[in-house]
Amino acid sequence: MSSIGAKRLTFEAWLALPETKQRYEIVDGAMLMPPAPTADHQWIMSEIFLRLRSFVDDRGLGVVLPAPVDLLIRREPLRTRQPDILYLSADRTGIKGRAELRGLQYLEAAPELVVEVLSPSNSRRDIEEKLEDYRHIGARQCWLVSPEAETVEVLNLSADEASATTIYGVEGTLSSEVLGDFSLLIRDIFR
C-alpha cells in the first residue's frame, strides 16, 4: 500500500474529509491506498458476497457489506480497515438493514465475519496486522481467500489469538460456526 500525504490524520480530521470512492485504510494516522483490485479479485469477492448476502437476507440475520466501508478500529492513533466483505449480526450489533445504516459515516461495531481476498501486494505482515485489528475489535471469524492457491483459510479470532481451524481447497465445502447452516462450495467461487 502506498501512503497518501505525510500528515497524520486525527479522528476529527478524518471525519471532516469529503466522501470519496477511493479505497483506503488508515494505519496509525497514515492514509494508505492499496493498488486497485484485479478483475479476478473482484470476481471472487462478488461470488462470495452474493452467496453470503442471500443467506443472511433470507434469514434476517443482519447485514453483509462489500468494500469500501470504513470499519473503525481505534480513534487514537487513528486506525480504520476496509475488509473486502463484512457480516454484522443483528443480534450482536442491532443492525438489521438499511434503516440502521443510514447516516453512518463509518462502522464502529464488531463484525461476526470479515473476508479478505488476498492480492499479490499483501505481505504476511499486512495480513497479520489486519487479523490483529479484527481480533482487537471483537470480530469472531476471518476468511482469507487465496485466488492463486484457490483456497479459503478460516480463522477463528479470540481475545488471545487468531487460529486457523480449516483450510478449504477447491473440492471442499466451507461451513462456518458464525453462520449456522451456511455452506459454500469452494469450486463455485473460483469457477
N, C-alpha and C. Protein backbone atom coordinates (compact mmCIF):
# COMPACT_ATOMS: atom_id res chain seq x y z
N MET A 1 0.85 -1.17 0.00
CA MET A 1 0.00 0.00 0.00
C MET A 1 0.89 1.23 0.00
N SER A 2 0.47 2.22 -0.74
CA SER A 2 1.24 3.46 -0.76
C SER A 2 0.60 4.49 0.15
N SER A 3 1.46 5.30 0.78
CA SER A 3 0.99 6.33 1.71
C SER A 3 0.56 7.56 0.93
N ILE A 4 -0.54 8.19 1.38
CA ILE A 4 -1.05 9.40 0.75
C ILE A 4 -0.78 10.56 1.70
N GLY A 5 0.19 11.37 1.37
CA GLY A 5 0.48 12.54 2.21
C GLY A 5 1.28 12.17 3.45
N ALA A 6 1.97 13.14 4.01
CA ALA A 6 2.83 12.91 5.16
C ALA A 6 2.14 13.22 6.48
N LYS A 7 1.06 13.98 6.44
CA LYS A 7 0.39 14.42 7.66
C LYS A 7 -0.40 13.25 8.27
N ARG A 8 -0.29 13.11 9.58
CA ARG A 8 -1.04 12.09 10.31
C ARG A 8 -2.45 12.62 10.59
N LEU A 9 -3.43 11.80 10.25
CA LEU A 9 -4.83 12.19 10.46
C LEU A 9 -5.28 11.91 11.89
N THR A 10 -6.02 12.83 12.44
CA THR A 10 -6.71 12.59 13.70
C THR A 10 -8.12 12.09 13.38
N PHE A 11 -8.80 11.59 14.37
CA PHE A 11 -10.17 11.14 14.19
C PHE A 11 -11.05 12.27 13.68
N GLU A 12 -10.92 13.45 14.26
CA GLU A 12 -11.73 14.61 13.87
C GLU A 12 -11.43 15.04 12.43
N ALA A 13 -10.14 15.06 12.05
CA ALA A 13 -9.76 15.44 10.69
C ALA A 13 -10.29 14.43 9.68
N TRP A 14 -10.27 13.16 10.05
CA TRP A 14 -10.78 12.10 9.18
C TRP A 14 -12.28 12.28 8.94
N LEU A 15 -13.02 12.58 10.00
CA LEU A 15 -14.46 12.78 9.86
C LEU A 15 -14.78 13.97 8.95
N ALA A 16 -13.89 14.95 8.90
CA ALA A 16 -14.12 16.15 8.09
C ALA A 16 -13.76 15.96 6.62
N LEU A 17 -13.12 14.83 6.27
CA LEU A 17 -12.75 14.60 4.87
C LEU A 17 -14.01 14.44 4.02
N PRO A 18 -13.96 14.89 2.75
CA PRO A 18 -15.12 14.69 1.88
C PRO A 18 -15.27 13.21 1.52
N GLU A 19 -16.49 12.81 1.21
CA GLU A 19 -16.75 11.44 0.78
C GLU A 19 -15.98 11.15 -0.49
N THR A 20 -15.45 9.94 -0.59
CA THR A 20 -14.69 9.55 -1.77
C THR A 20 -15.01 8.11 -2.14
N LYS A 21 -14.81 7.79 -3.39
CA LYS A 21 -14.97 6.42 -3.83
C LYS A 21 -13.63 5.68 -3.82
N GLN A 22 -12.56 6.42 -3.50
CA GLN A 22 -11.23 5.81 -3.38
C GLN A 22 -11.21 4.87 -2.18
N ARG A 23 -10.56 3.76 -2.35
CA ARG A 23 -10.43 2.81 -1.25
C ARG A 23 -9.13 3.09 -0.52
N TYR A 24 -9.21 3.27 0.79
CA TYR A 24 -8.00 3.48 1.59
C TYR A 24 -8.25 3.00 3.01
N GLU A 25 -7.16 2.73 3.69
CA GLU A 25 -7.21 2.40 5.11
C GLU A 25 -6.30 3.39 5.83
N ILE A 26 -6.52 3.56 7.11
CA ILE A 26 -5.68 4.45 7.90
C ILE A 26 -5.02 3.61 8.99
N VAL A 27 -3.69 3.66 9.01
CA VAL A 27 -2.92 2.91 10.00
C VAL A 27 -2.08 3.90 10.80
N ASP A 28 -2.42 4.03 12.06
CA ASP A 28 -1.74 4.96 12.96
C ASP A 28 -1.69 6.37 12.38
N GLY A 29 -2.81 6.80 11.82
CA GLY A 29 -2.96 8.15 11.29
C GLY A 29 -2.50 8.33 9.85
N ALA A 30 -1.78 7.35 9.30
CA ALA A 30 -1.30 7.45 7.92
C ALA A 30 -2.33 6.84 6.97
N MET A 31 -2.71 7.61 5.95
CA MET A 31 -3.68 7.13 4.97
C MET A 31 -2.93 6.29 3.94
N LEU A 32 -3.34 5.02 3.80
CA LEU A 32 -2.69 4.09 2.89
C LEU A 32 -3.67 3.67 1.80
N MET A 33 -3.21 3.70 0.56
CA MET A 33 -4.06 3.31 -0.56
C MET A 33 -3.47 2.07 -1.23
N PRO A 34 -4.23 0.97 -1.22
CA PRO A 34 -3.75 -0.23 -1.90
C PRO A 34 -3.90 -0.07 -3.41
N PRO A 35 -3.16 -0.89 -4.18
CA PRO A 35 -3.39 -0.88 -5.62
C PRO A 35 -4.84 -1.31 -5.91
N ALA A 36 -5.36 -0.90 -7.04
CA ALA A 36 -6.72 -1.30 -7.42
C ALA A 36 -6.78 -2.83 -7.49
N PRO A 37 -7.88 -3.42 -7.03
CA PRO A 37 -8.00 -4.87 -7.12
C PRO A 37 -8.09 -5.32 -8.57
N THR A 38 -7.63 -6.55 -8.81
CA THR A 38 -7.70 -7.11 -10.16
C THR A 38 -9.14 -7.54 -10.46
N ALA A 39 -9.41 -7.79 -11.71
CA ALA A 39 -10.74 -8.27 -12.11
C ALA A 39 -11.02 -9.63 -11.46
N ASP A 40 -10.00 -10.48 -11.37
CA ASP A 40 -10.15 -11.79 -10.73
C ASP A 40 -10.52 -11.63 -9.25
N HIS A 41 -9.84 -10.73 -8.56
CA HIS A 41 -10.13 -10.43 -7.16
C HIS A 41 -11.60 -10.02 -7.01
N GLN A 42 -12.05 -9.12 -7.88
CA GLN A 42 -13.43 -8.63 -7.81
C GLN A 42 -14.44 -9.73 -8.11
N TRP A 43 -14.11 -10.61 -9.05
CA TRP A 43 -14.99 -11.73 -9.38
C TRP A 43 -15.20 -12.61 -8.15
N ILE A 44 -14.08 -13.01 -7.54
CA ILE A 44 -14.14 -13.90 -6.38
C ILE A 44 -14.89 -13.22 -5.24
N MET A 45 -14.58 -11.97 -4.98
CA MET A 45 -15.25 -11.22 -3.93
C MET A 45 -16.76 -11.17 -4.18
N SER A 46 -17.13 -10.91 -5.42
CA SER A 46 -18.56 -10.84 -5.76
C SER A 46 -19.27 -12.16 -5.56
N GLU A 47 -18.62 -13.25 -5.94
CA GLU A 47 -19.22 -14.58 -5.77
C GLU A 47 -19.49 -14.86 -4.29
N ILE A 48 -18.53 -14.54 -3.45
CA ILE A 48 -18.71 -14.77 -2.01
C ILE A 48 -19.78 -13.82 -1.46
N PHE A 49 -19.69 -12.55 -1.82
CA PHE A 49 -20.64 -11.55 -1.33
C PHE A 49 -22.08 -11.94 -1.67
N LEU A 50 -22.33 -12.31 -2.92
CA LEU A 50 -23.70 -12.65 -3.34
C LEU A 50 -24.26 -13.82 -2.54
N ARG A 51 -23.44 -14.83 -2.31
CA ARG A 51 -23.90 -16.00 -1.56
C ARG A 51 -24.14 -15.66 -0.08
N LEU A 52 -23.21 -14.92 0.51
CA LEU A 52 -23.39 -14.52 1.92
C LEU A 52 -24.61 -13.63 2.10
N ARG A 53 -24.74 -12.64 1.23
CA ARG A 53 -25.86 -11.70 1.37
C ARG A 53 -27.20 -12.40 1.22
N SER A 54 -27.29 -13.28 0.24
CA SER A 54 -28.53 -14.02 0.03
C SER A 54 -28.88 -14.83 1.28
N PHE A 55 -27.91 -15.53 1.82
CA PHE A 55 -28.13 -16.36 3.02
C PHE A 55 -28.58 -15.50 4.20
N VAL A 56 -27.85 -14.42 4.47
CA VAL A 56 -28.13 -13.56 5.62
C VAL A 56 -29.47 -12.84 5.45
N ASP A 57 -29.74 -12.30 4.25
CA ASP A 57 -31.01 -11.60 4.00
C ASP A 57 -32.21 -12.53 4.13
N ASP A 58 -32.10 -13.73 3.55
CA ASP A 58 -33.22 -14.68 3.60
C ASP A 58 -33.62 -15.05 5.02
N ARG A 59 -32.67 -14.98 5.94
CA ARG A 59 -32.92 -15.38 7.33
C ARG A 59 -33.04 -14.20 8.29
N GLY A 60 -32.89 -12.98 7.76
CA GLY A 60 -32.98 -11.79 8.60
C GLY A 60 -31.92 -11.74 9.69
N LEU A 61 -30.71 -12.18 9.34
CA LEU A 61 -29.64 -12.31 10.35
C LEU A 61 -28.86 -11.03 10.60
N GLY A 62 -28.96 -10.05 9.70
CA GLY A 62 -28.18 -8.83 9.83
C GLY A 62 -27.86 -8.27 8.46
N VAL A 63 -26.63 -7.77 8.29
CA VAL A 63 -26.24 -7.19 7.00
C VAL A 63 -24.88 -7.70 6.57
N VAL A 64 -24.72 -7.81 5.25
CA VAL A 64 -23.44 -8.15 4.63
C VAL A 64 -23.09 -6.98 3.71
N LEU A 65 -21.90 -6.43 3.87
CA LEU A 65 -21.49 -5.28 3.09
C LEU A 65 -20.16 -5.55 2.38
N PRO A 66 -20.05 -5.09 1.12
CA PRO A 66 -18.77 -5.19 0.42
C PRO A 66 -17.95 -3.91 0.63
N ALA A 67 -16.67 -4.00 0.36
CA ALA A 67 -15.81 -2.81 0.39
C ALA A 67 -16.25 -1.86 -0.72
N PRO A 68 -16.02 -0.58 -0.56
CA PRO A 68 -15.38 0.05 0.59
C PRO A 68 -16.39 0.54 1.62
N VAL A 69 -16.17 0.15 2.86
CA VAL A 69 -16.89 0.72 4.00
C VAL A 69 -15.87 0.77 5.15
N ASP A 70 -15.80 1.91 5.81
CA ASP A 70 -14.81 2.09 6.87
C ASP A 70 -15.24 1.41 8.15
N LEU A 71 -14.34 0.61 8.69
CA LEU A 71 -14.54 -0.06 9.96
C LEU A 71 -13.53 0.55 10.93
N LEU A 72 -14.03 1.27 11.92
CA LEU A 72 -13.15 1.95 12.87
C LEU A 72 -12.55 0.93 13.84
N ILE A 73 -11.23 0.90 13.88
CA ILE A 73 -10.52 0.02 14.79
C ILE A 73 -10.22 0.76 16.10
N ARG A 74 -9.68 1.97 15.97
CA ARG A 74 -9.46 2.80 17.15
C ARG A 74 -9.33 4.26 16.72
N ARG A 75 -9.61 5.15 17.66
CA ARG A 75 -9.59 6.59 17.37
C ARG A 75 -8.21 7.20 17.53
N GLU A 76 -7.39 6.68 18.46
CA GLU A 76 -6.09 7.29 18.73
C GLU A 76 -5.04 6.23 19.01
N PRO A 77 -3.98 6.11 18.22
CA PRO A 77 -3.87 6.76 16.93
C PRO A 77 -4.88 6.15 15.96
N LEU A 78 -5.37 6.97 15.07
CA LEU A 78 -6.47 6.58 14.18
C LEU A 78 -6.10 5.35 13.35
N ARG A 79 -7.02 4.39 13.35
CA ARG A 79 -6.83 3.18 12.54
C ARG A 79 -8.19 2.74 12.02
N THR A 80 -8.29 2.58 10.70
CA THR A 80 -9.51 2.06 10.06
C THR A 80 -9.11 0.93 9.12
N ARG A 81 -10.04 0.06 8.86
CA ARG A 81 -9.85 -1.02 7.87
C ARG A 81 -11.06 -1.04 6.95
N GLN A 82 -10.85 -1.61 5.76
CA GLN A 82 -11.94 -1.82 4.81
C GLN A 82 -11.86 -3.26 4.30
N PRO A 83 -12.41 -4.20 5.08
CA PRO A 83 -12.37 -5.58 4.61
C PRO A 83 -13.14 -5.72 3.30
N ASP A 84 -12.77 -6.71 2.51
CA ASP A 84 -13.47 -6.92 1.24
C ASP A 84 -14.96 -7.16 1.47
N ILE A 85 -15.28 -7.92 2.51
CA ILE A 85 -16.67 -8.21 2.86
C ILE A 85 -16.74 -8.27 4.39
N LEU A 86 -17.85 -7.79 4.94
CA LEU A 86 -18.06 -7.99 6.38
C LEU A 86 -19.53 -8.33 6.63
N TYR A 87 -19.73 -9.12 7.66
CA TYR A 87 -21.08 -9.51 8.09
C TYR A 87 -21.28 -9.02 9.52
N LEU A 88 -22.33 -8.22 9.70
CA LEU A 88 -22.72 -7.72 11.02
C LEU A 88 -24.00 -8.43 11.45
N SER A 89 -23.95 -9.13 12.54
CA SER A 89 -25.10 -9.85 13.07
C SER A 89 -26.08 -8.88 13.71
N ALA A 90 -27.35 -9.01 13.39
CA ALA A 90 -28.38 -8.16 14.00
C ALA A 90 -28.44 -8.41 15.51
N ASP A 91 -28.27 -9.65 15.93
CA ASP A 91 -28.31 -9.97 17.36
C ASP A 91 -27.19 -9.27 18.12
N ARG A 92 -26.04 -9.21 17.53
CA ARG A 92 -24.86 -8.66 18.23
C ARG A 92 -24.76 -7.14 18.11
N THR A 93 -25.17 -6.58 16.97
CA THR A 93 -24.97 -5.15 16.71
C THR A 93 -26.25 -4.32 16.69
N GLY A 94 -27.39 -4.98 16.54
CA GLY A 94 -28.65 -4.25 16.40
C GLY A 94 -28.88 -3.73 14.99
N ILE A 95 -27.94 -3.99 14.09
CA ILE A 95 -28.06 -3.53 12.70
C ILE A 95 -28.77 -4.63 11.90
N LYS A 96 -30.00 -4.31 11.46
CA LYS A 96 -30.82 -5.29 10.76
C LYS A 96 -30.92 -5.01 9.27
N GLY A 97 -30.63 -3.77 8.87
CA GLY A 97 -30.78 -3.42 7.46
C GLY A 97 -30.41 -1.98 7.20
N ARG A 98 -30.89 -1.49 6.10
CA ARG A 98 -30.53 -0.14 5.65
C ARG A 98 -30.92 0.94 6.65
N ALA A 99 -32.05 0.79 7.30
CA ALA A 99 -32.52 1.83 8.23
C ALA A 99 -31.47 2.13 9.30
N GLU A 100 -30.82 1.10 9.81
CA GLU A 100 -29.80 1.30 10.85
C GLU A 100 -28.48 1.80 10.28
N LEU A 101 -28.27 1.64 8.98
CA LEU A 101 -27.02 2.09 8.35
C LEU A 101 -27.08 3.53 7.87
N ARG A 102 -28.30 4.03 7.62
CA ARG A 102 -28.45 5.40 7.12
C ARG A 102 -27.76 6.40 8.02
N GLY A 103 -27.00 7.28 7.40
CA GLY A 103 -26.34 8.34 8.14
C GLY A 103 -25.04 7.94 8.81
N LEU A 104 -24.68 6.66 8.77
CA LEU A 104 -23.42 6.24 9.38
C LEU A 104 -22.26 6.58 8.45
N GLN A 105 -21.30 7.31 8.94
CA GLN A 105 -20.13 7.66 8.15
C GLN A 105 -19.11 6.52 8.18
N TYR A 106 -19.17 5.72 9.22
CA TYR A 106 -18.26 4.60 9.40
C TYR A 106 -18.96 3.60 10.33
N LEU A 107 -18.40 2.41 10.42
CA LEU A 107 -18.95 1.39 11.31
C LEU A 107 -18.06 1.28 12.54
N GLU A 108 -18.69 1.26 13.69
CA GLU A 108 -17.98 1.06 14.95
C GLU A 108 -18.68 -0.08 15.67
N ALA A 109 -18.59 -1.26 15.06
CA ALA A 109 -19.24 -2.46 15.58
C ALA A 109 -18.38 -3.65 15.23
N ALA A 110 -18.45 -4.67 16.05
CA ALA A 110 -17.66 -5.88 15.80
C ALA A 110 -18.38 -6.79 14.82
N PRO A 111 -17.80 -7.02 13.65
CA PRO A 111 -18.42 -7.95 12.71
C PRO A 111 -18.30 -9.39 13.22
N GLU A 112 -19.26 -10.20 12.87
CA GLU A 112 -19.13 -11.63 13.12
C GLU A 112 -18.04 -12.20 12.21
N LEU A 113 -18.02 -11.67 10.98
CA LEU A 113 -17.14 -12.24 9.95
C LEU A 113 -16.57 -11.14 9.09
N VAL A 114 -15.27 -11.26 8.78
CA VAL A 114 -14.64 -10.43 7.76
C VAL A 114 -14.02 -11.36 6.74
N VAL A 115 -14.06 -10.94 5.48
CA VAL A 115 -13.47 -11.72 4.39
C VAL A 115 -12.43 -10.85 3.71
N GLU A 116 -11.23 -11.39 3.55
CA GLU A 116 -10.16 -10.72 2.83
C GLU A 116 -9.74 -11.60 1.66
N VAL A 117 -9.90 -11.08 0.44
CA VAL A 117 -9.41 -11.76 -0.75
C VAL A 117 -7.98 -11.28 -0.94
N LEU A 118 -7.04 -12.19 -0.87
CA LEU A 118 -5.63 -11.83 -0.91
C LEU A 118 -5.19 -11.40 -2.30
N SER A 119 -4.24 -10.48 -2.32
CA SER A 119 -3.66 -9.97 -3.56
C SER A 119 -2.15 -10.17 -3.48
N PRO A 120 -1.47 -10.20 -4.64
CA PRO A 120 -0.01 -10.33 -4.61
C PRO A 120 0.67 -9.24 -3.79
N SER A 121 0.04 -8.08 -3.67
CA SER A 121 0.65 -6.97 -2.93
C SER A 121 0.54 -7.13 -1.41
N ASN A 122 -0.25 -8.12 -0.94
CA ASN A 122 -0.40 -8.34 0.51
C ASN A 122 0.83 -9.05 1.07
N SER A 123 1.51 -8.41 2.02
CA SER A 123 2.61 -9.08 2.70
C SER A 123 2.03 -9.86 3.89
N ARG A 124 2.78 -10.82 4.37
CA ARG A 124 2.33 -11.59 5.54
C ARG A 124 2.13 -10.63 6.73
N ARG A 125 3.01 -9.65 6.83
CA ARG A 125 2.91 -8.67 7.92
C ARG A 125 1.60 -7.88 7.82
N ASP A 126 1.24 -7.45 6.60
CA ASP A 126 -0.03 -6.73 6.40
C ASP A 126 -1.22 -7.58 6.87
N ILE A 127 -1.19 -8.84 6.48
CA ILE A 127 -2.29 -9.75 6.83
C ILE A 127 -2.36 -9.94 8.34
N GLU A 128 -1.20 -10.14 8.96
CA GLU A 128 -1.17 -10.32 10.42
C GLU A 128 -1.66 -9.08 11.15
N GLU A 129 -1.31 -7.89 10.66
CA GLU A 129 -1.79 -6.65 11.27
C GLU A 129 -3.31 -6.53 11.16
N LYS A 130 -3.85 -6.89 9.99
CA LYS A 130 -5.30 -6.84 9.82
C LYS A 130 -5.99 -7.82 10.76
N LEU A 131 -5.45 -9.04 10.84
CA LEU A 131 -6.04 -10.03 11.74
C LEU A 131 -6.03 -9.54 13.19
N GLU A 132 -4.93 -8.93 13.59
CA GLU A 132 -4.82 -8.38 14.95
C GLU A 132 -5.87 -7.28 15.16
N ASP A 133 -6.04 -6.41 14.15
CA ASP A 133 -7.05 -5.34 14.25
C ASP A 133 -8.45 -5.92 14.37
N TYR A 134 -8.77 -6.90 13.53
CA TYR A 134 -10.11 -7.50 13.58
C TYR A 134 -10.33 -8.20 14.92
N ARG A 135 -9.32 -8.90 15.41
CA ARG A 135 -9.40 -9.56 16.70
C ARG A 135 -9.60 -8.53 17.82
N HIS A 136 -8.87 -7.43 17.73
CA HIS A 136 -8.92 -6.36 18.74
C HIS A 136 -10.34 -5.79 18.91
N ILE A 137 -11.08 -5.65 17.82
CA ILE A 137 -12.43 -5.07 17.92
C ILE A 137 -13.51 -6.12 18.18
N GLY A 138 -13.12 -7.39 18.24
CA GLY A 138 -14.08 -8.43 18.60
C GLY A 138 -14.70 -9.19 17.45
N ALA A 139 -14.11 -9.09 16.24
CA ALA A 139 -14.61 -9.92 15.13
C ALA A 139 -14.42 -11.38 15.52
N ARG A 140 -15.34 -12.22 15.12
CA ARG A 140 -15.28 -13.63 15.53
C ARG A 140 -14.53 -14.51 14.55
N GLN A 141 -14.60 -14.16 13.26
CA GLN A 141 -14.00 -15.04 12.26
C GLN A 141 -13.52 -14.24 11.07
N CYS A 142 -12.44 -14.75 10.44
CA CYS A 142 -11.92 -14.15 9.21
C CYS A 142 -11.67 -15.25 8.20
N TRP A 143 -12.08 -15.00 6.96
CA TRP A 143 -11.75 -15.90 5.86
C TRP A 143 -10.68 -15.23 5.02
N LEU A 144 -9.56 -15.92 4.83
CA LEU A 144 -8.51 -15.45 3.93
C LEU A 144 -8.62 -16.26 2.65
N VAL A 145 -8.97 -15.59 1.58
CA VAL A 145 -9.24 -16.24 0.30
C VAL A 145 -8.03 -16.04 -0.60
N SER A 146 -7.45 -17.15 -1.07
CA SER A 146 -6.28 -17.08 -1.94
C SER A 146 -6.67 -17.43 -3.37
N PRO A 147 -6.76 -16.42 -4.26
CA PRO A 147 -7.07 -16.72 -5.66
C PRO A 147 -6.00 -17.59 -6.31
N GLU A 148 -4.75 -17.39 -5.92
CA GLU A 148 -3.64 -18.14 -6.51
C GLU A 148 -3.71 -19.62 -6.14
N ALA A 149 -3.89 -19.92 -4.87
CA ALA A 149 -3.95 -21.31 -4.41
C ALA A 149 -5.35 -21.91 -4.53
N GLU A 150 -6.35 -21.06 -4.78
CA GLU A 150 -7.76 -21.47 -4.81
C GLU A 150 -8.14 -22.16 -3.51
N THR A 151 -7.86 -21.46 -2.40
CA THR A 151 -8.20 -21.96 -1.08
C THR A 151 -8.87 -20.85 -0.26
N VAL A 152 -9.57 -21.28 0.78
CA VAL A 152 -10.13 -20.36 1.77
C VAL A 152 -9.67 -20.87 3.13
N GLU A 153 -8.94 -20.02 3.84
CA GLU A 153 -8.48 -20.34 5.19
C GLU A 153 -9.43 -19.67 6.17
N VAL A 154 -10.04 -20.46 7.03
CA VAL A 154 -10.98 -19.95 8.03
C VAL A 154 -10.23 -19.82 9.35
N LEU A 155 -10.21 -18.59 9.88
CA LEU A 155 -9.54 -18.34 11.16
C LEU A 155 -10.56 -17.90 12.19
N ASN A 156 -10.55 -18.54 13.33
CA ASN A 156 -11.38 -18.10 14.45
C ASN A 156 -10.56 -17.10 15.25
N LEU A 157 -11.17 -15.96 15.53
CA LEU A 157 -10.48 -14.89 16.24
C LEU A 157 -10.99 -14.86 17.67
N SER A 158 -10.08 -14.90 18.62
CA SER A 158 -10.47 -14.82 20.03
C SER A 158 -9.75 -13.65 20.65
N ALA A 159 -9.99 -13.42 21.92
CA ALA A 159 -9.32 -12.32 22.61
C ALA A 159 -7.81 -12.53 22.66
N ASP A 160 -7.37 -13.77 22.52
CA ASP A 160 -5.94 -14.08 22.66
C ASP A 160 -5.20 -14.25 21.34
N GLU A 161 -5.87 -14.80 20.32
CA GLU A 161 -5.15 -15.12 19.09
C GLU A 161 -6.10 -15.35 17.92
N ALA A 162 -5.47 -15.45 16.74
CA ALA A 162 -6.19 -15.88 15.54
C ALA A 162 -5.71 -17.30 15.25
N SER A 163 -6.62 -18.25 15.22
CA SER A 163 -6.21 -19.63 14.99
C SER A 163 -6.94 -20.21 13.79
N ALA A 164 -6.15 -20.83 12.91
CA ALA A 164 -6.73 -21.46 11.73
C ALA A 164 -7.49 -22.70 12.16
N THR A 165 -8.70 -22.82 11.71
CA THR A 165 -9.46 -24.02 12.00
C THR A 165 -9.41 -24.97 10.81
N THR A 166 -9.56 -24.42 9.62
CA THR A 166 -9.60 -25.26 8.43
C THR A 166 -9.13 -24.47 7.23
N ILE A 167 -8.45 -25.16 6.33
CA ILE A 167 -8.15 -24.60 5.01
C ILE A 167 -8.92 -25.44 4.00
N TYR A 168 -9.81 -24.78 3.28
CA TYR A 168 -10.65 -25.47 2.30
C TYR A 168 -10.05 -25.32 0.91
N GLY A 169 -9.85 -26.46 0.23
CA GLY A 169 -9.40 -26.45 -1.15
C GLY A 169 -10.57 -26.41 -2.10
N VAL A 170 -10.27 -26.42 -3.38
CA VAL A 170 -11.29 -26.23 -4.41
C VAL A 170 -12.37 -27.32 -4.38
N GLU A 171 -12.08 -28.47 -3.82
CA GLU A 171 -13.08 -29.54 -3.74
C GLU A 171 -13.84 -29.53 -2.41
N GLY A 172 -13.52 -28.58 -1.54
CA GLY A 172 -14.13 -28.55 -0.21
C GLY A 172 -15.44 -27.79 -0.16
N THR A 173 -16.14 -27.97 0.95
CA THR A 173 -17.36 -27.23 1.24
C THR A 173 -17.16 -26.52 2.57
N LEU A 174 -17.14 -25.20 2.51
CA LEU A 174 -16.91 -24.38 3.69
C LEU A 174 -18.18 -24.29 4.51
N SER A 175 -18.03 -24.47 5.82
CA SER A 175 -19.12 -24.18 6.75
C SER A 175 -18.54 -23.25 7.80
N SER A 176 -19.42 -22.50 8.46
CA SER A 176 -18.95 -21.50 9.40
C SER A 176 -19.83 -21.48 10.63
N GLU A 177 -19.21 -21.59 11.80
CA GLU A 177 -19.99 -21.57 13.04
C GLU A 177 -20.69 -20.24 13.27
N VAL A 178 -20.19 -19.16 12.66
CA VAL A 178 -20.85 -17.86 12.86
C VAL A 178 -22.07 -17.69 11.96
N LEU A 179 -22.26 -18.63 11.02
CA LEU A 179 -23.39 -18.52 10.09
C LEU A 179 -24.32 -19.74 10.13
N GLY A 180 -24.28 -20.49 11.20
CA GLY A 180 -25.21 -21.60 11.34
C GLY A 180 -25.09 -22.62 10.23
N ASP A 181 -26.17 -22.79 9.46
CA ASP A 181 -26.20 -23.84 8.43
C ASP A 181 -25.70 -23.37 7.07
N PHE A 182 -24.99 -22.26 7.00
CA PHE A 182 -24.42 -21.77 5.74
C PHE A 182 -23.35 -22.75 5.25
N SER A 183 -23.35 -22.99 3.95
CA SER A 183 -22.26 -23.78 3.34
C SER A 183 -21.93 -23.18 1.98
N LEU A 184 -20.69 -23.34 1.58
CA LEU A 184 -20.20 -22.75 0.34
C LEU A 184 -19.28 -23.73 -0.35
N LEU A 185 -19.65 -24.13 -1.57
CA LEU A 185 -18.77 -24.98 -2.37
C LEU A 185 -17.64 -24.10 -2.88
N ILE A 186 -16.43 -24.42 -2.49
CA ILE A 186 -15.28 -23.59 -2.84
C ILE A 186 -15.11 -23.49 -4.35
N ARG A 187 -15.36 -24.56 -5.07
CA ARG A 187 -15.19 -24.51 -6.53
C ARG A 187 -16.10 -23.46 -7.17
N ASP A 188 -17.25 -23.17 -6.54
CA ASP A 188 -18.18 -22.18 -7.10
C ASP A 188 -17.61 -20.77 -7.11
N ILE A 189 -16.76 -20.43 -6.16
CA ILE A 189 -16.22 -19.07 -6.14
C ILE A 189 -15.01 -18.91 -7.05
N PHE A 190 -14.42 -20.03 -7.47
CA PHE A 190 -13.25 -19.97 -8.35
C PHE A 190 -13.56 -20.44 -9.77
N ARG A 191 -14.83 -20.66 -10.10
CA ARG A 191 -15.17 -21.19 -11.44
C ARG A 191 -14.95 -20.17 -12.52
